[in-house]
Structures are given as structure tokens and as C-alpha cells.
PDB file of N, CA and C in Angstrom:
ATOM      1  N   MET A   1     -38.958  95.867 -74.042  1.00  0.00           N
ATOM      2  CA  MET A   1     -37.833  95.113 -76.231  1.00  0.00           C
ATOM      3  C   MET A   1     -35.971  96.508 -75.928  1.00  0.00           C
ATOM      4  N   ILE A   2     -36.050  95.178 -76.189  1.00  0.00           N
ATOM      5  CA  ILE A   2     -34.547  95.173 -76.562  1.00  0.00           C
ATOM      6  C   ILE A   2     -33.697  96.063 -77.958  1.00  0.00           C
ATOM      7  N   ARG A   3     -33.122  96.953 -78.312  1.00  0.00           N
ATOM      8  CA  ARG A   3     -33.165  97.087 -79.857  1.00  0.00           C
ATOM      9  C   ARG A   3     -31.562  97.339 -79.696  1.00  0.00           C
ATOM     10  N   ILE A   4     -30.847  96.198 -80.580  1.00  0.00           N
ATOM     11  CA  ILE A   4     -29.580  96.439 -80.548  1.00  0.00           C
ATOM     12  C   ILE A   4     -28.813  96.647 -82.192  1.00  0.00           C
ATOM     13  N   ARG A   5     -27.696  97.314 -82.398  1.00  0.00           N
ATOM     14  CA  ARG A   5     -27.368  98.075 -83.178  1.00  0.00           C
ATOM     15  C   ARG A   5     -25.732  96.913 -83.627  1.00  0.00           C
ATOM     16  N   ALA A   6     -25.531  97.085 -84.152  1.00  0.00           N
ATOM     17  CA  ALA A   6     -23.951  97.164 -84.938  1.00  0.00           C
ATOM     18  C   ALA A   6     -23.374  96.850 -86.207  1.00  0.00           C
ATOM     19  N   THR A   7     -21.758  97.338 -86.252  1.00  0.00           N
ATOM     20  CA  THR A   7     -21.220  97.406 -87.362  1.00  0.00           C
ATOM     21  C   THR A   7     -20.084  96.335 -87.276  1.00  0.00           C
ATOM     22  N   ASN A   8     -19.626  95.680 -88.098  1.00  0.00           N
ATOM     23  CA  ASN A   8     -19.105  94.717 -88.746  1.00  0.00           C
ATOM     24  C   ASN A   8     -17.325  95.734 -89.341  1.00  0.00           C
ATOM     25  N   THR A   9     -16.495  96.292 -88.711  1.00  0.00           N
ATOM     26  CA  THR A   9     -15.492  96.720 -89.167  1.00  0.00           C
ATOM     27  C   THR A   9     -14.199  95.999 -89.185  1.00  0.00           C
ATOM     28  N   GLY A  10     -14.820  94.844 -89.663  1.00  0.00           N
ATOM     29  CA  GLY A  10     -13.074  93.969 -89.596  1.00  0.00           C
ATOM     30  C   GLY A  10     -13.924  92.873 -91.124  1.00  0.00           C
ATOM     31  N   ALA A  11     -11.900  91.637 -91.008  1.00  0.00           N
ATOM     32  CA  ALA A  11     -12.002  91.601 -91.907  1.00  0.00           C
ATOM     33  C   ALA A  11     -13.803  89.887 -92.280  1.00  0.00           C
ATOM     34  N   GLU A  12     -13.605  90.002 -91.037  1.00  0.00           N
ATOM     35  CA  GLU A  12     -14.838  88.133 -91.216  1.00  0.00           C
ATOM     36  C   GLU A  12     -15.701  88.546 -90.282  1.00  0.00           C
ATOM     37  N   PRO A  13     -16.766  87.583 -90.665  1.00  0.00           N
ATOM     38  CA  PRO A  13     -18.375  87.443 -90.207  1.00  0.00           C
ATOM     39  C   PRO A  13     -17.849  87.873 -88.865  1.00  0.00           C
ATOM     40  N   LEU A  14     -19.604  87.802 -87.872  1.00  0.00           N
ATOM     41  CA  LEU A  14     -19.453  88.864 -86.413  1.00  0.00           C
ATOM     42  C   LEU A  14     -21.197  88.477 -86.477  1.00  0.00           C
ATOM     43  N   ASN A  15     -21.079  87.490 -85.412  1.00  0.00           N
ATOM     44  CA  ASN A  15     -22.353  87.204 -84.497  1.00  0.00           C
ATOM     45  C   ASN A  15     -22.284  88.223 -82.807  1.00  0.00           C
ATOM     46  N   VAL A  16     -23.548  89.001 -83.180  1.00  0.00           N
ATOM     47  CA  VAL A  16     -23.454  89.087 -81.842  1.00  0.00           C
ATOM     48  C   VAL A  16     -24.577  88.691 -80.763  1.00  0.00           C
ATOM     49  N   VAL A  17     -24.992  88.565 -79.886  1.00  0.00           N
ATOM     50  CA  VAL A  17     -25.224  87.624 -79.362  1.00  0.00           C
ATOM     51  C   VAL A  17     -26.167  88.705 -77.828  1.00  0.00           C
ATOM     52  N   VAL A  18     -27.048  89.319 -77.499  1.00  0.00           N
ATOM     53  CA  VAL A  18     -27.814  89.413 -76.726  1.00  0.00           C
ATOM     54  C   VAL A  18     -28.512  88.296 -75.818  1.00  0.00           C
ATOM     55  N   PHE A  19     -27.954  87.980 -74.826  1.00  0.00           N
ATOM     56  CA  PHE A  19     -28.734  87.032 -74.047  1.00  0.00           C
ATOM     57  C   PHE A  19     -28.798  87.074 -71.994  1.00  0.00           C
ATOM     58  N   GLU A  20     -29.599  86.457 -71.938  1.00  0.00           N
ATOM     59  CA  GLU A  20     -29.869  86.636 -69.862  1.00  0.00           C
ATOM     60  C   GLU A  20     -29.418  85.268 -69.093  1.00  0.00           C
ATOM     61  N   LEU A  21     -28.877  85.367 -68.537  1.00  0.00           N
ATOM     62  CA  LEU A  21     -27.423  84.478 -68.001  1.00  0.00           C
ATOM     63  C   LEU A  21     -27.837  83.414 -67.928  1.00  0.00           C
ATOM     64  N   ALA A  22     -30.151  83.591 -67.576  1.00  0.00           N
ATOM     65  CA  ALA A  22     -30.296  82.515 -66.525  1.00  0.00           C
ATOM     66  C   ALA A  22     -30.715  82.095 -65.056  1.00  0.00           C
ATOM     67  N   LYS A  23     -29.302  80.935 -64.941  1.00  0.00           N
ATOM     68  CA  LYS A  23     -29.273  79.620 -63.880  1.00  0.00           C
ATOM     69  C   LYS A  23     -27.031  79.678 -63.601  1.00  0.00           C
ATOM     70  N   LEU A  24     -26.947  80.458 -65.329  1.00  0.00           N
ATOM     71  CA  LEU A  24     -24.988  80.567 -64.601  1.00  0.00           C
ATOM     72  C   LEU A  24     -24.711  81.738 -64.015  1.00  0.00           C
ATOM     73  N   THR A  25     -23.774  81.833 -62.973  1.00  0.00           N
ATOM     74  CA  THR A  25     -23.133  82.937 -62.842  1.00  0.00           C
ATOM     75  C   THR A  25     -22.111  83.926 -64.229  1.00  0.00           C
ATOM     76  N   TRP A  26     -21.710  84.970 -63.875  1.00  0.00           N
ATOM     77  CA  TRP A  26     -21.257  85.658 -64.388  1.00  0.00           C
ATOM     78  C   TRP A  26     -19.856  84.525 -64.654  1.00  0.00           C
ATOM     79  N   ALA A  27     -19.435  84.795 -63.860  1.00  0.00           N
ATOM     80  CA  ALA A  27     -18.210  83.666 -63.792  1.00  0.00           C
ATOM     81  C   ALA A  27     -18.156  82.333 -64.099  1.00  0.00           C
ATOM     82  N   GLU A  28     -19.257  81.541 -64.351  1.00  0.00           N
ATOM     83  CA  GLU A  28     -19.572  80.284 -65.099  1.00  0.00           C
ATOM     84  C   GLU A  28     -19.340  80.571 -66.455  1.00  0.00           C
ATOM     85  N   LEU A  29     -19.890  81.199 -66.780  1.00  0.00           N
ATOM     86  CA  LEU A  29     -20.248  81.713 -68.465  1.00  0.00           C
ATOM     87  C   LEU A  29     -19.227  82.407 -68.904  1.00  0.00           C
ATOM     88  N   GLN A  30     -17.756  82.868 -68.144  1.00  0.00           N
ATOM     89  CA  GLN A  30     -16.746  83.551 -68.294  1.00  0.00           C
ATOM     90  C   GLN A  30     -15.416  82.028 -68.394  1.00  0.00           C
ATOM     91  N   ALA A  31     -15.598  81.537 -67.498  1.00  0.00           N
ATOM     92  CA  ALA A  31     -15.327  80.039 -67.458  1.00  0.00           C
ATOM     93  C   ALA A  31     -15.670  79.166 -68.562  1.00  0.00           C
ATOM     94  N   ALA A  32     -16.739  78.971 -69.264  1.00  0.00           N
ATOM     95  CA  ALA A  32     -17.344  78.211 -69.732  1.00  0.00           C
ATOM     96  C   ALA A  32     -16.776  78.295 -72.172  1.00  0.00           C
ATOM     97  N   VAL A  33     -16.769  79.969 -72.223  1.00  0.00           N
ATOM     98  CA  VAL A  33     -16.450  80.355 -72.766  1.00  0.00           C
ATOM     99  C   VAL A  33     -14.829  80.631 -73.586  1.00  0.00           C
ATOM    100  N   ALA A  34     -13.805  79.987 -72.449  1.00  0.00           N
ATOM    101  CA  ALA A  34     -12.678  80.226 -72.502  1.00  0.00           C
ATOM    102  C   ALA A  34     -12.926  78.958 -73.110  1.00  0.00           C
ATOM    103  N   VAL A  35     -13.528  77.982 -72.634  1.00  0.00           N
ATOM    104  CA  VAL A  35     -13.363  76.532 -73.181  1.00  0.00           C
ATOM    105  C   VAL A  35     -14.198  76.254 -74.129  1.00  0.00           C
ATOM    106  N   PHE A  36     -14.718  76.503 -74.329  1.00  0.00           N
ATOM    107  CA  PHE A  36     -15.876  77.238 -75.708  1.00  0.00           C
ATOM    108  C   PHE A  36     -15.731  75.702 -75.603  1.00  0.00           C
ATOM    109  N   ASP A  37     -17.420  74.932 -76.123  1.00  0.00           N
ATOM    110  CA  ASP A  37     -17.389  74.047 -77.109  1.00  0.00           C
ATOM    111  C   ASP A  37     -19.087  73.859 -77.843  1.00  0.00           C
ATOM    112  N   PRO A  38     -18.238  74.232 -78.703  1.00  0.00           N
ATOM    113  CA  PRO A  38     -19.945  74.491 -80.078  1.00  0.00           C
ATOM    114  C   PRO A  38     -20.806  73.111 -79.723  1.00  0.00           C
ATOM    115  N   ALA A  39     -20.502  71.622 -79.472  1.00  0.00           N
ATOM    116  CA  ALA A  39     -21.597  70.920 -78.871  1.00  0.00           C
ATOM    117  C   ALA A  39     -22.011  71.373 -77.808  1.00  0.00           C
ATOM    118  N   ALA A  40     -21.719  71.523 -76.826  1.00  0.00           N
ATOM    119  CA  ALA A  40     -22.305  72.273 -75.758  1.00  0.00           C
ATOM    120  C   ALA A  40     -21.932  73.821 -75.321  1.00  0.00           C
ATOM    121  N   PRO A  41     -23.262  74.819 -75.562  1.00  0.00           N
ATOM    122  CA  PRO A  41     -22.894  76.114 -75.329  1.00  0.00           C
ATOM    123  C   PRO A  41     -22.957  75.813 -74.321  1.00  0.00           C
ATOM    124  N   PRO A  42     -22.373  77.302 -73.775  1.00  0.00           N
ATOM    125  CA  PRO A  42     -23.579  77.795 -72.123  1.00  0.00           C
ATOM    126  C   PRO A  42     -25.265  78.085 -72.720  1.00  0.00           C
ATOM    127  N   ASN A  43     -25.352  76.952 -71.009  1.00  0.00           N
ATOM    128  CA  ASN A  43     -26.173  77.726 -70.989  1.00  0.00           C
ATOM    129  C   ASN A  43     -27.825  78.651 -70.991  1.00  0.00           C
ATOM    130  N   VAL A  44     -27.535  79.854 -71.679  1.00  0.00           N
ATOM    131  CA  VAL A  44     -28.402  80.898 -71.932  1.00  0.00           C
ATOM    132  C   VAL A  44     -29.476  81.742 -72.690  1.00  0.00           C
ATOM    133  N   THR A  45     -30.239  82.425 -72.028  1.00  0.00           N
ATOM    134  CA  THR A  45     -31.325  82.650 -72.879  1.00  0.00           C
ATOM    135  C   THR A  45     -31.376  83.332 -73.473  1.00  0.00           C
ATOM    136  N   VAL A  46     -31.498  83.342 -75.261  1.00  0.00           N
ATOM    137  CA  VAL A  46     -30.729  84.344 -76.355  1.00  0.00           C
ATOM    138  C   VAL A  46     -32.111  84.587 -76.358  1.00  0.00           C
ATOM    139  N   LEU A  47     -31.926  86.647 -75.831  1.00  0.00           N
ATOM    140  CA  LEU A  47     -33.056  87.381 -76.492  1.00  0.00           C
ATOM    141  C   LEU A  47     -32.866  87.849 -78.121  1.00  0.00           C
ATOM    142  N   ALA A  48     -31.728  88.181 -77.689  1.00  0.00           N
ATOM    143  CA  ALA A  48     -31.671  88.822 -79.691  1.00  0.00           C
ATOM    144  C   ALA A  48     -30.428  88.135 -81.020  1.00  0.00           C
ATOM    145  N   SER A  49     -30.304  88.620 -81.699  1.00  0.00           N
ATOM    146  CA  SER A  49     -28.455  88.020 -82.216  1.00  0.00           C
ATOM    147  C   SER A  49     -28.429  88.949 -83.444  1.00  0.00           C
ATOM    148  N   LEU A  50     -27.842  89.292 -83.858  1.00  0.00           N
ATOM    149  CA  LEU A  50     -27.517  89.662 -85.278  1.00  0.00           C
ATOM    150  C   LEU A  50     -25.842  88.928 -85.934  1.00  0.00           C
ATOM    151  N   GLU A  51     -26.443  88.326 -86.960  1.00  0.00           N
ATOM    152  CA  GLU A  51     -24.654  87.905 -87.960  1.00  0.00           C
ATOM    153  C   GLU A  51     -24.379  89.327 -88.646  1.00  0.00           C
ATOM    154  N   LEU A  52     -23.672  90.055 -89.173  1.00  0.00           N
ATOM    155  CA  LEU A  52     -23.044  90.462 -90.045  1.00  0.00           C
ATOM    156  C   LEU A  52     -21.617  90.053 -90.589  1.00  0.00           C
ATOM    157  N   PRO A  53     -22.427  90.571 -91.605  1.00  0.00           N
ATOM    158  CA  PRO A  53     -21.036  89.426 -93.627  1.00  0.00           C
ATOM    159  C   PRO A  53     -20.044  90.973 -92.504  1.00  0.00           C
ATOM    160  N   ALA A  54     -18.640  91.015 -93.210  1.00  0.00           N
ATOM    161  CA  ALA A  54     -17.683  92.288 -93.200  1.00  0.00           C
ATOM    162  C   ALA A  54     -18.094  92.826 -93.756  1.00  0.00           C
ATOM    163  N   GLY A  55     -17.759  94.519 -93.139  1.00  0.00           N
ATOM    164  CA  GLY A  55     -18.724  95.450 -93.407  1.00  0.00           C
ATOM    165  C   GLY A  55     -20.085  95.551 -93.521  1.00  0.00           C
ATOM    166  N   GLY A  56     -20.806  94.887 -92.529  1.00  0.00           N
ATOM    167  CA  GLY A  56     -21.421  95.657 -92.791  1.00  0.00           C
ATOM    168  C   GLY A  56     -22.903  95.797 -91.595  1.00  0.00           C
ATOM    169  N   LEU A  57     -23.885  96.092 -91.637  1.00  0.00           N
ATOM    170  CA  LEU A  57     -24.461  96.691 -90.630  1.00  0.00           C
ATOM    171  C   LEU A  57     -25.964  96.178 -90.122  1.00  0.00           C
ATOM    172  N   SER A  58     -26.387  96.510 -88.747  1.00  0.00           N
ATOM    173  CA  SER A  58     -27.840  95.837 -88.692  1.00  0.00           C
ATOM    174  C   SER A  58     -28.670  95.902 -86.630  1.00  0.00           C
ATOM    175  N   THR A  59     -29.689  95.555 -87.275  1.00  0.00           N
ATOM    176  CA  THR A  59     -29.897  96.148 -86.743  1.00  0.00           C
ATOM    177  C   THR A  59     -31.303  95.152 -86.114  1.00  0.00           C
ATOM    178  N   GLY A  60     -31.356  94.511 -84.221  1.00  0.00           N
ATOM    179  CA  GLY A  60     -32.108  93.608 -84.564  1.00  0.00           C
ATOM    180  C   GLY A  60     -33.274  94.520 -83.587  1.00  0.00           C
ATOM    181  N   TYR A  61     -33.652  93.213 -82.964  1.00  0.00           N
ATOM    182  CA  TYR A  61     -35.318  93.704 -81.499  1.00  0.00           C
ATOM    183  C   TYR A  61     -35.278  92.546 -81.012  1.00  0.00           C
ATOM    184  N   GLY A  62     -35.596  92.547 -80.030  1.00  0.00           N
ATOM    185  CA  GLY A  62     -35.772  91.325 -78.875  1.00  0.00           C
ATOM    186  C   GLY A  62     -36.400  91.707 -77.756  1.00  0.00           C
ATOM    187  N   THR A  63     -36.936  90.742 -76.804  1.00  0.00           N
ATOM    188  CA  THR A  63     -37.504  91.257 -75.682  1.00  0.00           C
ATOM    189  C   THR A  63     -36.627  91.711 -74.311  1.00  0.00           C
ATOM    190  N   SER A  64     -36.627  91.612 -73.025  1.00  0.00           N
ATOM    191  CA  SER A  64     -35.962  92.202 -72.304  1.00  0.00           C
ATOM    192  C   SER A  64     -36.950  91.646 -71.203  1.00  0.00           C
ATOM    193  N   PRO A  65     -36.583  90.747 -70.276  1.00  0.00           N
ATOM    194  CA  PRO A  65     -36.197  90.188 -68.869  1.00  0.00           C
ATOM    195  C   PRO A  65     -35.954  91.332 -68.390  1.00  0.00           C
ATOM    196  N   ALA A  66     -36.670  91.331 -67.507  1.00  0.00           N
ATOM    197  CA  ALA A  66     -35.553  91.410 -65.963  1.00  0.00           C
ATOM    198  C   ALA A  66     -34.476  89.864 -65.413  1.00  0.00           C
ATOM    199  N   GLY A  67     -33.204  90.679 -65.262  1.00  0.00           N
ATOM    200  CA  GLY A  67     -32.503  90.043 -65.001  1.00  0.00           C
ATOM    201  C   GLY A  67     -31.344  90.338 -64.983  1.00  0.00           C
ATOM    202  N   THR A  68     -29.992  89.266 -65.476  1.00  0.00           N
ATOM    203  CA  THR A  68     -28.833  89.609 -65.890  1.00  0.00           C
ATOM    204  C   THR A  68     -28.574  89.126 -66.947  1.00  0.00           C
ATOM    205  N   LEU A  69     -28.410  89.825 -67.295  1.00  0.00           N
ATOM    206  CA  LEU A  69     -27.923  90.216 -69.400  1.00  0.00           C
ATOM    207  C   LEU A  69     -26.284  90.478 -69.734  1.00  0.00           C
ATOM    208  N   GLY A  70     -26.480  90.002 -70.904  1.00  0.00           N
ATOM    209  CA  GLY A  70     -24.638  89.662 -70.972  1.00  0.00           C
ATOM    210  C   GLY A  70     -24.955  90.095 -73.427  1.00  0.00           C
ATOM    211  N   VAL A  71     -23.892  90.405 -73.622  1.00  0.00           N
ATOM    212  CA  VAL A  71     -23.852  90.407 -74.926  1.00  0.00           C
ATOM    213  C   VAL A  71     -22.048  89.386 -75.572  1.00  0.00           C
ATOM    214  N   ALA A  72     -22.603  88.450 -76.599  1.00  0.00           N
ATOM    215  CA  ALA A  72     -21.501  87.822 -76.905  1.00  0.00           C
ATOM    216  C   ALA A  72     -21.073  88.256 -78.202  1.00  0.00           C
ATOM    217  N   CYS A  73     -19.781  88.614 -78.878  1.00  0.00           N
ATOM    218  CA  CYS A  73     -19.789  89.097 -80.595  1.00  0.00           C
ATOM    219  C   CYS A  73     -18.403  87.793 -80.363  1.00  0.00           C
ATOM    220  N   ALA A  74     -19.054  86.930 -81.172  1.00  0.00           N
ATOM    221  CA  ALA A  74     -17.754  86.138 -82.139  1.00  0.00           C
ATOM    222  C   ALA A  74     -17.642  86.346 -83.399  1.00  0.00           C
ATOM    223  N   THR A  75     -16.432  85.828 -83.836  1.00  0.00           N
ATOM    224  CA  THR A  75     -15.860  86.348 -85.081  1.00  0.00           C
ATOM    225  C   THR A  75     -15.484  84.302 -85.295  1.00  0.00           C
ATOM    226  N   GLY A  76     -14.476  84.512 -86.241  1.00  0.00           N
ATOM    227  CA  GLY A  76     -14.203  82.753 -86.744  1.00  0.00           C
ATOM    228  C   GLY A  76     -14.963  81.392 -86.753  1.00  0.00           C
ATOM    229  N   SER A  77     -14.257  80.773 -87.175  1.00  0.00           N
ATOM    230  CA  SER A  77     -15.280  79.784 -87.198  1.00  0.00           C
ATOM    231  C   SER A  77     -16.379  79.296 -86.049  1.00  0.00           C
ATOM    232  N   PHE A  78     -17.017  77.555 -86.715  1.00  0.00           N
ATOM    233  CA  PHE A  78     -17.469  78.282 -85.698  1.00  0.00           C
ATOM    234  C   PHE A  78     -17.354  76.760 -84.885  1.00  0.00           C
ATOM    235  N   ASP A  79     -16.421  75.750 -85.339  1.00  0.00           N
ATOM    236  CA  ASP A  79     -15.827  75.362 -84.075  1.00  0.00           C
ATOM    237  C   ASP A  79     -14.405  75.775 -83.026  1.00  0.00           C
ATOM    238  N   ALA A  80     -13.798  76.817 -83.614  1.00  0.00           N
ATOM    239  CA  ALA A  80     -13.053  77.857 -82.414  1.00  0.00           C
ATOM    240  C   ALA A  80     -13.345  79.272 -82.822  1.00  0.00           C
ATOM    241  N   PRO A  81     -14.156  79.410 -82.424  1.00  0.00           N
ATOM    242  CA  PRO A  81     -14.873  81.559 -82.376  1.00  0.00           C
ATOM    243  C   PRO A  81     -13.756  82.251 -81.557  1.00  0.00           C
ATOM    244  N   ALA A  82     -13.765  83.632 -82.220  1.00  0.00           N
ATOM    245  CA  ALA A  82     -13.178  84.154 -80.814  1.00  0.00           C
ATOM    246  C   ALA A  82     -14.482  84.563 -80.393  1.00  0.00           C
ATOM    247  N   ILE A  83     -14.213  84.719 -79.141  1.00  0.00           N
ATOM    248  CA  ILE A  83     -15.759  85.835 -78.254  1.00  0.00           C
ATOM    249  C   ILE A  83     -15.293  86.560 -77.091  1.00  0.00           C
ATOM    250  N   THR A  84     -15.691  87.779 -77.611  1.00  0.00           N
ATOM    251  CA  THR A  84     -15.662  89.105 -76.440  1.00  0.00           C
ATOM    252  C   THR A  84     -17.125  88.814 -75.898  1.00  0.00           C
ATOM    253  N   LEU A  85     -17.133  89.189 -74.767  1.00  0.00           N
ATOM    254  CA  LEU A  85     -17.918  88.837 -73.781  1.00  0.00           C
ATOM    255  C   LEU A  85     -18.112  91.068 -72.937  1.00  0.00           C
ATOM    256  N   ALA A  86     -19.138  91.117 -73.359  1.00  0.00           N
ATOM    257  CA  ALA A  86     -19.121  92.404 -72.397  1.00  0.00           C
ATOM    258  C   ALA A  86     -20.691  92.310 -71.488  1.00  0.00           C
ATOM    259  N   GLY A  87     -20.858  92.484 -70.623  1.00  0.00           N
ATOM    260  CA  GLY A  87     -21.513  93.039 -68.915  1.00  0.00           C
ATOM    261  C   GLY A  87     -20.950  92.485 -67.599  1.00  0.00           C
ATOM    262  N   PRO A  88     -22.005  91.973 -66.379  1.00  0.00           N
ATOM    263  CA  PRO A  88     -22.850  91.632 -66.722  1.00  0.00           C
ATOM    264  C   PRO A  88     -23.869  93.351 -66.664  1.00  0.00           C
ATOM    265  N   PHE A  89     -24.809  93.484 -67.340  1.00  0.00           N
ATOM    266  CA  PHE A  89     -25.806  93.646 -66.967  1.00  0.00           C
ATOM    267  C   PHE A  89     -26.954  93.659 -66.522  1.00  0.00           C
ATOM    268  N   PRO A  90     -27.539  94.288 -65.111  1.00  0.00           N
ATOM    269  CA  PRO A  90     -28.810  94.012 -64.325  1.00  0.00           C
ATOM    270  C   PRO A  90     -29.371  95.394 -65.054  1.00  0.00           C
ATOM    271  N   VAL A  91     -30.706  94.365 -65.325  1.00  0.00           N
ATOM    272  CA  VAL A  91     -32.448  94.810 -65.969  1.00  0.00           C
ATOM    273  C   VAL A  91     -33.297  94.531 -65.245  1.00  0.00           C
ATOM    274  N   GLY A  92     -34.330  95.299 -64.559  1.00  0.00           N
ATOM    275  CA  GLY A  92     -35.233  95.806 -64.249  1.00  0.00           C
ATOM    276  C   GLY A  92     -34.543  94.936 -62.522  1.00  0.00           C
ATOM    277  N   GLY A  93     -35.873  94.184 -62.009  1.00  0.00           N
ATOM    278  CA  GLY A  93     -35.848  93.561 -60.927  1.00  0.00           C
ATOM    279  C   GLY A  93     -37.017  94.071 -59.952  1.00  0.00           C
TER     280      GLY A  93
END
């Protein structure tokens, strides 16, 4: 099990997603995020996610399989979000 906790100190809503890379490499994910298309998001397995309003605090839980995990934080509009990635984090194995 994973626990995520986030505080949004910004002026825009924040989405936080913890995911397993599944069939992508980290480099492929970075390339997909650089030209993000909401109609064709990267093929990752979402394990946990949070939606925080400006000034919000939230905690969430999800499963944690063995594999390579990452975290994405997104602000801005759905069509053109600003996405920050953290990872990769190898887990178990």
C-alpha cells in the first residue's frame, strides 16, 4: 500500500497522480509528457490520485505493486496542463 499526502501552496488547482510505468520507459514517458495530448494520455497504470484546490491539503492511498513507479503533478487547464514528473522509483522486485 502507498500513502500520498500533498499540500497545494499554489493559486491553481493541483492534480497528483502516482503511477506504474507498465510498458513505458521513463524516457518514453518524458517524451509523451513534453507533447501531452489529453485525447491520448501515456499508457501508465494509475495507482492513486489526488485533486487539490488552491491552498488545499489531501491524503490518499493506493496499491503498490512491484515495478517502476512515478509521480506526476499537474496544474493549469485540462487541454494544456503544466506537468512535473518525479521518478522513476523502483519498488520491490
